[in-house]
Amino acid sequence: MSRIGKKIIPLADKVKITLVDGHVTVEGPKGKLSMVINPNTSVDVENETIVVSRKHDNKVAQAAHGMMRAVLHNIVTGN
């Protein structure tokens, strides 16, 4: 399993996340960004954290898992 993909993403107090039909939108004090969720991964918001997990167990899903987590972390932190 991806070491990067397993890490949870903590949400700051001023950050709001919305999950709708395969799209994630993050809005905070630095602006608003959105992206399409890869079909091989799932994104869940639990207790002020974001958890990215795989839907399948293959090389494509493994690569998408770490990448989706990294991109979402950058969107949330504003990097």
PDB file of N, CA and C in Angstrom:
ATOM      1  N   MET A   1       0.846  -1.180   0.000  1.00  0.00           N
ATOM      2  CA  MET A   1       0.000   0.000   0.000  1.00  0.00           C
ATOM      3  C   MET A   1       0.885   1.235   0.000  1.00  0.00           C
ATOM      4  N   SER A   2       0.424   2.271  -0.618  1.00  0.00           N
ATOM      5  CA  SER A   2       1.165   3.516  -0.719  1.00  0.00           C
ATOM      6  C   SER A   2       1.370   4.153   0.651  1.00  0.00           C
ATOM      7  N   ARG A   3       2.617   4.525   0.946  1.00  0.00           N
ATOM      8  CA  ARG A   3       2.883   5.171   2.230  1.00  0.00           C
ATOM      9  C   ARG A   3       2.305   6.582   2.247  1.00  0.00           C
ATOM     10  N   ILE A   4       2.369   7.263   1.116  1.00  0.00           N
ATOM     11  CA  ILE A   4       1.797   8.608   1.025  1.00  0.00           C
ATOM     12  C   ILE A   4       0.275   8.529   1.069  1.00  0.00           C
ATOM     13  N   GLY A   5      -0.300   7.585   0.370  1.00  0.00           N
ATOM     14  CA  GLY A   5      -1.749   7.456   0.303  1.00  0.00           C
ATOM     15  C   GLY A   5      -2.407   7.117   1.622  1.00  0.00           C
ATOM     16  N   LYS A   6      -1.669   6.464   2.528  1.00  0.00           N
ATOM     17  CA  LYS A   6      -2.242   6.076   3.816  1.00  0.00           C
ATOM     18  C   LYS A   6      -2.374   7.242   4.790  1.00  0.00           C
ATOM     19  N   LYS A   7      -1.627   8.310   4.573  1.00  0.00           N
ATOM     20  CA  LYS A   7      -1.661   9.438   5.500  1.00  0.00           C
ATOM     21  C   LYS A   7      -2.986  10.188   5.384  1.00  0.00           C
ATOM     22  N   ILE A   8      -3.534  10.580   6.524  1.00  0.00           N
ATOM     23  CA  ILE A   8      -4.764  11.363   6.508  1.00  0.00           C
ATOM     24  C   ILE A   8      -4.413  12.825   6.284  1.00  0.00           C
ATOM     25  N   ILE A   9      -5.383  13.584   5.802  1.00  0.00           N
ATOM     26  CA  ILE A   9      -5.204  15.014   5.556  1.00  0.00           C
ATOM     27  C   ILE A   9      -6.049  15.767   6.571  1.00  0.00           C
ATOM     28  N   PRO A  10      -5.418  16.477   7.508  1.00  0.00           N
ATOM     29  CA  PRO A  10      -6.205  17.240   8.489  1.00  0.00           C
ATOM     30  C   PRO A  10      -6.762  18.516   7.849  1.00  0.00           C
ATOM     31  N   LEU A  11      -7.988  18.866   8.211  1.00  0.00           N
ATOM     32  CA  LEU A  11      -8.614  20.087   7.712  1.00  0.00           C
ATOM     33  C   LEU A  11      -8.464  21.201   8.743  1.00  0.00           C
ATOM     34  N   ALA A  12      -8.095  22.371   8.277  1.00  0.00           N
ATOM     35  CA  ALA A  12      -8.023  23.534   9.162  1.00  0.00           C
ATOM     36  C   ALA A  12      -9.439  24.011   9.474  1.00  0.00           C
ATOM     37  N   ASP A  13      -9.565  24.877  10.469  1.00  0.00           N
ATOM     38  CA  ASP A  13     -10.879  25.361  10.888  1.00  0.00           C
ATOM     39  C   ASP A  13     -11.606  26.123   9.791  1.00  0.00           C
ATOM     40  N   LYS A  14     -10.878  26.872   8.982  1.00  0.00           N
ATOM     41  CA  LYS A  14     -11.504  27.740   7.986  1.00  0.00           C
ATOM     42  C   LYS A  14     -11.676  27.070   6.623  1.00  0.00           C
ATOM     43  N   VAL A  15     -11.314  25.808   6.507  1.00  0.00           N
ATOM     44  CA  VAL A  15     -11.392  25.097   5.231  1.00  0.00           C
ATOM     45  C   VAL A  15     -12.681  24.288   5.168  1.00  0.00           C
ATOM     46  N   LYS A  16     -13.394  24.426   4.047  1.00  0.00           N
ATOM     47  CA  LYS A  16     -14.656  23.702   3.830  1.00  0.00           C
ATOM     48  C   LYS A  16     -14.474  22.804   2.606  1.00  0.00           C
ATOM     49  N   ILE A  17     -14.879  21.547   2.716  1.00  0.00           N
ATOM     50  CA  ILE A  17     -14.751  20.602   1.608  1.00  0.00           C
ATOM     51  C   ILE A  17     -16.125  20.073   1.233  1.00  0.00           C
ATOM     52  N   THR A  18     -16.342  19.929  -0.085  1.00  0.00           N
ATOM     53  CA  THR A  18     -17.603  19.427  -0.606  1.00  0.00           C
ATOM     54  C   THR A  18     -17.315  18.301  -1.598  1.00  0.00           C
ATOM     55  N   LEU A  19     -17.977  17.158  -1.425  1.00  0.00           N
ATOM     56  CA  LEU A  19     -17.861  16.021  -2.339  1.00  0.00           C
ATOM     57  C   LEU A  19     -19.181  15.827  -3.059  1.00  0.00           C
ATOM     58  N   VAL A  20     -19.176  15.982  -4.401  1.00  0.00           N
ATOM     59  CA  VAL A  20     -20.397  15.837  -5.186  1.00  0.00           C
ATOM     60  C   VAL A  20     -20.073  15.145  -6.507  1.00  0.00           C
ATOM     61  N   ASP A  21     -20.696  13.991  -6.750  1.00  0.00           N
ATOM     62  CA  ASP A  21     -20.620  13.289  -8.038  1.00  0.00           C
ATOM     63  C   ASP A  21     -19.219  13.170  -8.607  1.00  0.00           C
ATOM     64  N   GLY A  22     -18.279  12.698  -7.825  1.00  0.00           N
ATOM     65  CA  GLY A  22     -16.930  12.487  -8.326  1.00  0.00           C
ATOM     66  C   GLY A  22     -16.075  13.736  -8.407  1.00  0.00           C
ATOM     67  N   HIS A  23     -16.536  14.818  -7.828  1.00  0.00           N
ATOM     68  CA  HIS A  23     -15.779  16.066  -7.779  1.00  0.00           C
ATOM     69  C   HIS A  23     -15.591  16.474  -6.325  1.00  0.00           C
ATOM     70  N   VAL A  24     -14.424  17.017  -6.032  1.00  0.00           N
ATOM     71  CA  VAL A  24     -14.161  17.538  -4.700  1.00  0.00           C
ATOM     72  C   VAL A  24     -13.856  19.030  -4.848  1.00  0.00           C
ATOM     73  N   THR A  25     -14.476  19.838  -3.984  1.00  0.00           N
ATOM     74  CA  THR A  25     -14.261  21.283  -3.977  1.00  0.00           C
ATOM     75  C   THR A  25     -13.792  21.684  -2.592  1.00  0.00           C
ATOM     76  N   VAL A  26     -12.695  22.427  -2.548  1.00  0.00           N
ATOM     77  CA  VAL A  26     -12.121  22.891  -1.289  1.00  0.00           C
ATOM     78  C   VAL A  26     -12.136  24.409  -1.314  1.00  0.00           C
ATOM     79  N   GLU A  27     -12.733  24.989  -0.271  1.00  0.00           N
ATOM     80  CA  GLU A  27     -12.830  26.443  -0.174  1.00  0.00           C
ATOM     81  C   GLU A  27     -12.240  26.880   1.158  1.00  0.00           C
ATOM     82  N   GLY A  28     -11.369  27.877   1.096  1.00  0.00           N
ATOM     83  CA  GLY A  28     -10.716  28.369   2.299  1.00  0.00           C
ATOM     84  C   GLY A  28     -10.338  29.832   2.150  1.00  0.00           C
ATOM     85  N   PRO A  29      -9.546  30.346   3.092  1.00  0.00           N
ATOM     86  CA  PRO A  29      -9.189  31.760   3.067  1.00  0.00           C
ATOM     87  C   PRO A  29      -8.306  32.150   1.877  1.00  0.00           C
ATOM     88  N   LYS A  30      -7.618  31.192   1.268  1.00  0.00           N
ATOM     89  CA  LYS A  30      -6.745  31.493   0.128  1.00  0.00           C
ATOM     90  C   LYS A  30      -7.454  31.342  -1.214  1.00  0.00           C
ATOM     91  N   GLY A  31      -8.705  30.886  -1.207  1.00  0.00           N
ATOM     92  CA  GLY A  31      -9.443  30.741  -2.452  1.00  0.00           C
ATOM     93  C   GLY A  31     -10.217  29.446  -2.518  1.00  0.00           C
ATOM     94  N   LYS A  32     -10.623  29.099  -3.743  1.00  0.00           N
ATOM     95  CA  LYS A  32     -11.457  27.923  -3.975  1.00  0.00           C
ATOM     96  C   LYS A  32     -10.852  27.123  -5.122  1.00  0.00           C
ATOM     97  N   LEU A  33     -10.669  25.805  -4.912  1.00  0.00           N
ATOM     98  CA  LEU A  33     -10.151  24.912  -5.934  1.00  0.00           C
ATOM     99  C   LEU A  33     -11.006  23.665  -5.992  1.00  0.00           C
ATOM    100  N   SER A  34     -11.076  23.063  -7.170  1.00  0.00           N
ATOM    101  CA  SER A  34     -11.821  21.821  -7.306  1.00  0.00           C
ATOM    102  C   SER A  34     -11.073  20.889  -8.245  1.00  0.00           C
ATOM    103  N   MET A  35     -11.379  19.598  -8.134  1.00  0.00           N
ATOM    104  CA  MET A  35     -10.770  18.602  -9.007  1.00  0.00           C
ATOM    105  C   MET A  35     -11.691  17.397  -9.127  1.00  0.00           C
ATOM    106  N   VAL A  36     -11.440  16.604 -10.141  1.00  0.00           N
ATOM    107  CA  VAL A  36     -12.193  15.373 -10.375  1.00  0.00           C
ATOM    108  C   VAL A  36     -11.491  14.242  -9.622  1.00  0.00           C
ATOM    109  N   ILE A  37     -12.254  13.423  -8.935  1.00  0.00           N
ATOM    110  CA  ILE A  37     -11.709  12.284  -8.203  1.00  0.00           C
ATOM    111  C   ILE A  37     -11.468  11.141  -9.186  1.00  0.00           C
ATOM    112  N   ASN A  38     -10.280  10.559  -9.132  1.00  0.00           N
ATOM    113  CA  ASN A  38      -9.942   9.437  -9.991  1.00  0.00           C
ATOM    114  C   ASN A  38     -10.907   8.286  -9.711  1.00  0.00           C
ATOM    115  N   PRO A  39     -11.422   7.609 -10.734  1.00  0.00           N
ATOM    116  CA  PRO A  39     -12.385   6.526 -10.509  1.00  0.00           C
ATOM    117  C   PRO A  39     -11.815   5.323  -9.768  1.00  0.00           C
ATOM    118  N   ASN A  40     -10.482   5.202  -9.680  1.00  0.00           N
ATOM    119  CA  ASN A  40      -9.858   4.097  -8.945  1.00  0.00           C
ATOM    120  C   ASN A  40      -9.715   4.386  -7.458  1.00  0.00           C
ATOM    121  N   THR A  41     -10.066   5.596  -7.029  1.00  0.00           N
ATOM    122  CA  THR A  41      -9.925   5.974  -5.625  1.00  0.00           C
ATOM    123  C   THR A  41     -11.249   6.490  -5.074  1.00  0.00           C
ATOM    124  N   SER A  42     -11.347   6.505  -3.753  1.00  0.00           N
ATOM    125  CA  SER A  42     -12.509   7.109  -3.101  1.00  0.00           C
ATOM    126  C   SER A  42     -12.007   8.085  -2.048  1.00  0.00           C
ATOM    127  N   VAL A  43     -12.756   9.152  -1.848  1.00  0.00           N
ATOM    128  CA  VAL A  43     -12.393  10.195  -0.893  1.00  0.00           C
ATOM    129  C   VAL A  43     -13.523  10.303   0.122  1.00  0.00           C
ATOM    130  N   ASP A  44     -13.161  10.244   1.409  1.00  0.00           N
ATOM    131  CA  ASP A  44     -14.131  10.345   2.489  1.00  0.00           C
ATOM    132  C   ASP A  44     -13.681  11.417   3.468  1.00  0.00           C
ATOM    133  N   VAL A  45     -14.660  12.160   4.005  1.00  0.00           N
ATOM    134  CA  VAL A  45     -14.379  13.157   5.031  1.00  0.00           C
ATOM    135  C   VAL A  45     -14.879  12.597   6.355  1.00  0.00           C
ATOM    136  N   GLU A  46     -13.951  12.431   7.310  1.00  0.00           N
ATOM    137  CA  GLU A  46     -14.278  11.855   8.612  1.00  0.00           C
ATOM    138  C   GLU A  46     -13.644  12.689   9.710  1.00  0.00           C
ATOM    139  N   ASN A  47     -14.438  13.243  10.616  1.00  0.00           N
ATOM    140  CA  ASN A  47     -13.939  13.942  11.798  1.00  0.00           C
ATOM    141  C   ASN A  47     -12.880  14.990  11.470  1.00  0.00           C
ATOM    142  N   GLU A  48     -13.201  15.903  10.583  1.00  0.00           N
ATOM    143  CA  GLU A  48     -12.295  16.991  10.193  1.00  0.00           C
ATOM    144  C   GLU A  48     -11.000  16.495   9.551  1.00  0.00           C
ATOM    145  N   THR A  49     -11.053  15.327   8.903  1.00  0.00           N
ATOM    146  CA  THR A  49      -9.916  14.805   8.149  1.00  0.00           C
ATOM    147  C   THR A  49     -10.414  14.236   6.824  1.00  0.00           C
ATOM    148  N   ILE A  50      -9.506  14.155   5.864  1.00  0.00           N
ATOM    149  CA  ILE A  50      -9.820  13.562   4.570  1.00  0.00           C
ATOM    150  C   ILE A  50      -9.043  12.254   4.474  1.00  0.00           C
ATOM    151  N   VAL A  51      -9.730  11.189   4.051  1.00  0.00           N
ATOM    152  CA  VAL A  51      -9.108   9.878   3.889  1.00  0.00           C
ATOM    153  C   VAL A  51      -9.284   9.458   2.434  1.00  0.00           C
ATOM    154  N   VAL A  52      -8.171   9.123   1.780  1.00  0.00           N
ATOM    155  CA  VAL A  52      -8.195   8.649   0.397  1.00  0.00           C
ATOM    156  C   VAL A  52      -7.907   7.154   0.424  1.00  0.00           C
ATOM    157  N   SER A  53      -8.720   6.370  -0.280  1.00  0.00           N
ATOM    158  CA  SER A  53      -8.509   4.926  -0.320  1.00  0.00           C
ATOM    159  C   SER A  53      -8.698   4.404  -1.742  1.00  0.00           C
ATOM    160  N   ARG A  54      -8.196   3.191  -1.971  1.00  0.00           N
ATOM    161  CA  ARG A  54      -8.302   2.552  -3.292  1.00  0.00           C
ATOM    162  C   ARG A  54      -9.584   1.760  -3.414  1.00  0.00           C
ATOM    163  N   LYS A  55     -10.114   1.704  -4.631  1.00  0.00           N
ATOM    164  CA  LYS A  55     -11.271   0.845  -4.905  1.00  0.00           C
ATOM    165  C   LYS A  55     -10.836  -0.511  -5.440  1.00  0.00           C
ATOM    166  N   HIS A  56      -9.660  -0.573  -6.085  1.00  0.00           N
ATOM    167  CA  HIS A  56      -9.156  -1.804  -6.691  1.00  0.00           C
ATOM    168  C   HIS A  56      -7.729  -2.042  -6.207  1.00  0.00           C
ATOM    169  N   ASP A  57      -7.230  -3.239  -6.416  1.00  0.00           N
ATOM    170  CA  ASP A  57      -5.864  -3.554  -6.017  1.00  0.00           C
ATOM    171  C   ASP A  57      -5.037  -3.898  -7.251  1.00  0.00           C
ATOM    172  N   ASN A  58      -4.620  -2.874  -7.984  1.00  0.00           N
ATOM    173  CA  ASN A  58      -3.754  -3.065  -9.144  1.00  0.00           C
ATOM    174  C   ASN A  58      -2.780  -1.887  -9.232  1.00  0.00           C
ATOM    175  N   LYS A  59      -1.853  -1.932 -10.180  1.00  0.00           N
ATOM    176  CA  LYS A  59      -0.817  -0.900 -10.288  1.00  0.00           C
ATOM    177  C   LYS A  59      -1.399   0.477 -10.590  1.00  0.00           C
ATOM    178  N   VAL A  60      -2.417   0.547 -11.427  1.00  0.00           N
ATOM    179  CA  VAL A  60      -3.022   1.831 -11.780  1.00  0.00           C
ATOM    180  C   VAL A  60      -3.680   2.463 -10.557  1.00  0.00           C
ATOM    181  N   ALA A  61      -4.407   1.670  -9.788  1.00  0.00           N
ATOM    182  CA  ALA A  61      -5.060   2.173  -8.580  1.00  0.00           C
ATOM    183  C   ALA A  61      -4.031   2.582  -7.532  1.00  0.00           C
ATOM    184  N   GLN A  62      -2.929   1.840  -7.451  1.00  0.00           N
ATOM    185  CA  GLN A  62      -1.877   2.165  -6.491  1.00  0.00           C
ATOM    186  C   GLN A  62      -1.252   3.515  -6.818  1.00  0.00           C
ATOM    187  N   ALA A  63      -0.968   3.767  -8.082  1.00  0.00           N
ATOM    188  CA  ALA A  63      -0.390   5.045  -8.484  1.00  0.00           C
ATOM    189  C   ALA A  63      -1.380   6.188  -8.270  1.00  0.00           C
ATOM    190  N   ALA A  64      -2.636   5.958  -8.579  1.00  0.00           N
ATOM    191  CA  ALA A  64      -3.660   6.991  -8.415  1.00  0.00           C
ATOM    192  C   ALA A  64      -3.889   7.315  -6.944  1.00  0.00           C
ATOM    193  N   HIS A  65      -3.757   6.325  -6.074  1.00  0.00           N
ATOM    194  CA  HIS A  65      -3.982   6.496  -4.643  1.00  0.00           C
ATOM    195  C   HIS A  65      -3.026   7.539  -4.056  1.00  0.00           C
ATOM    196  N   GLY A  66      -1.740   7.366  -4.267  1.00  0.00           N
ATOM    197  CA  GLY A  66      -0.757   8.308  -3.746  1.00  0.00           C
ATOM    198  C   GLY A  66      -0.868   9.677  -4.386  1.00  0.00           C
ATOM    199  N   MET A  67      -1.123   9.705  -5.695  1.00  0.00           N
ATOM    200  CA  MET A  67      -1.229  10.973  -6.400  1.00  0.00           C
ATOM    201  C   MET A  67      -2.445  11.781  -5.932  1.00  0.00           C
ATOM    202  N   MET A  68      -3.590  11.124  -5.787  1.00  0.00           N
ATOM    203  CA  MET A  68      -4.801  11.828  -5.340  1.00  0.00           C
ATOM    204  C   MET A  68      -4.611  12.406  -3.946  1.00  0.00           C
ATOM    205  N   ARG A  69      -3.980  11.645  -3.057  1.00  0.00           N
ATOM    206  CA  ARG A  69      -3.741  12.128  -1.702  1.00  0.00           C
ATOM    207  C   ARG A  69      -2.805  13.333  -1.729  1.00  0.00           C
ATOM    208  N   ALA A  70      -1.752  13.280  -2.523  1.00  0.00           N
ATOM    209  CA  ALA A  70      -0.789  14.379  -2.596  1.00  0.00           C
ATOM    210  C   ALA A  70      -1.426  15.647  -3.172  1.00  0.00           C
ATOM    211  N   VAL A  71      -2.209  15.499  -4.225  1.00  0.00           N
ATOM    212  CA  VAL A  71      -2.859  16.664  -4.841  1.00  0.00           C
ATOM    213  C   VAL A  71      -3.898  17.260  -3.888  1.00  0.00           C
ATOM    214  N   LEU A  72      -4.688  16.423  -3.232  1.00  0.00           N
ATOM    215  CA  LEU A  72      -5.671  16.937  -2.265  1.00  0.00           C
ATOM    216  C   LEU A  72      -4.991  17.645  -1.094  1.00  0.00           C
ATOM    217  N   HIS A  73      -3.878  17.109  -0.628  1.00  0.00           N
ATOM    218  CA  HIS A  73      -3.144  17.758   0.459  1.00  0.00           C
ATOM    219  C   HIS A  73      -2.670  19.143   0.027  1.00  0.00           C
ATOM    220  N   ASN A  74      -2.167  19.253  -1.185  1.00  0.00           N
ATOM    221  CA  ASN A  74      -1.722  20.557  -1.699  1.00  0.00           C
ATOM    222  C   ASN A  74      -2.877  21.527  -1.855  1.00  0.00           C
ATOM    223  N   ILE A  75      -4.030  21.041  -2.278  1.00  0.00           N
ATOM    224  CA  ILE A  75      -5.201  21.913  -2.404  1.00  0.00           C
ATOM    225  C   ILE A  75      -5.647  22.409  -1.033  1.00  0.00           C
ATOM    226  N   VAL A  76      -5.674  21.525  -0.043  1.00  0.00           N
ATOM    227  CA  VAL A  76      -6.142  21.890   1.298  1.00  0.00           C
ATOM    228  C   VAL A  76      -5.187  22.877   1.978  1.00  0.00           C
ATOM    229  N   THR A  77      -3.878  22.643   1.826  1.00  0.00           N
ATOM    230  CA  THR A  77      -2.906  23.520   2.489  1.00  0.00           C
ATOM    231  C   THR A  77      -2.631  24.798   1.715  1.00  0.00           C
ATOM    232  N   GLY A  78      -3.030  24.853   0.462  1.00  0.00           N
ATOM    233  CA  GLY A  78      -2.838  26.061  -0.328  1.00  0.00           C
ATOM    234  C   GLY A  78      -1.486  26.149  -0.999  1.00  0.00           C
ATOM    235  N   ASN A  79      -0.819  25.004  -1.186  1.00  0.00           N
ATOM    236  CA  ASN A  79       0.486  24.978  -1.858  1.00  0.00           C
ATOM    237  C   ASN A  79       0.329  24.750  -3.336  1.00  0.00           C
TER     238      ASN A  79
END
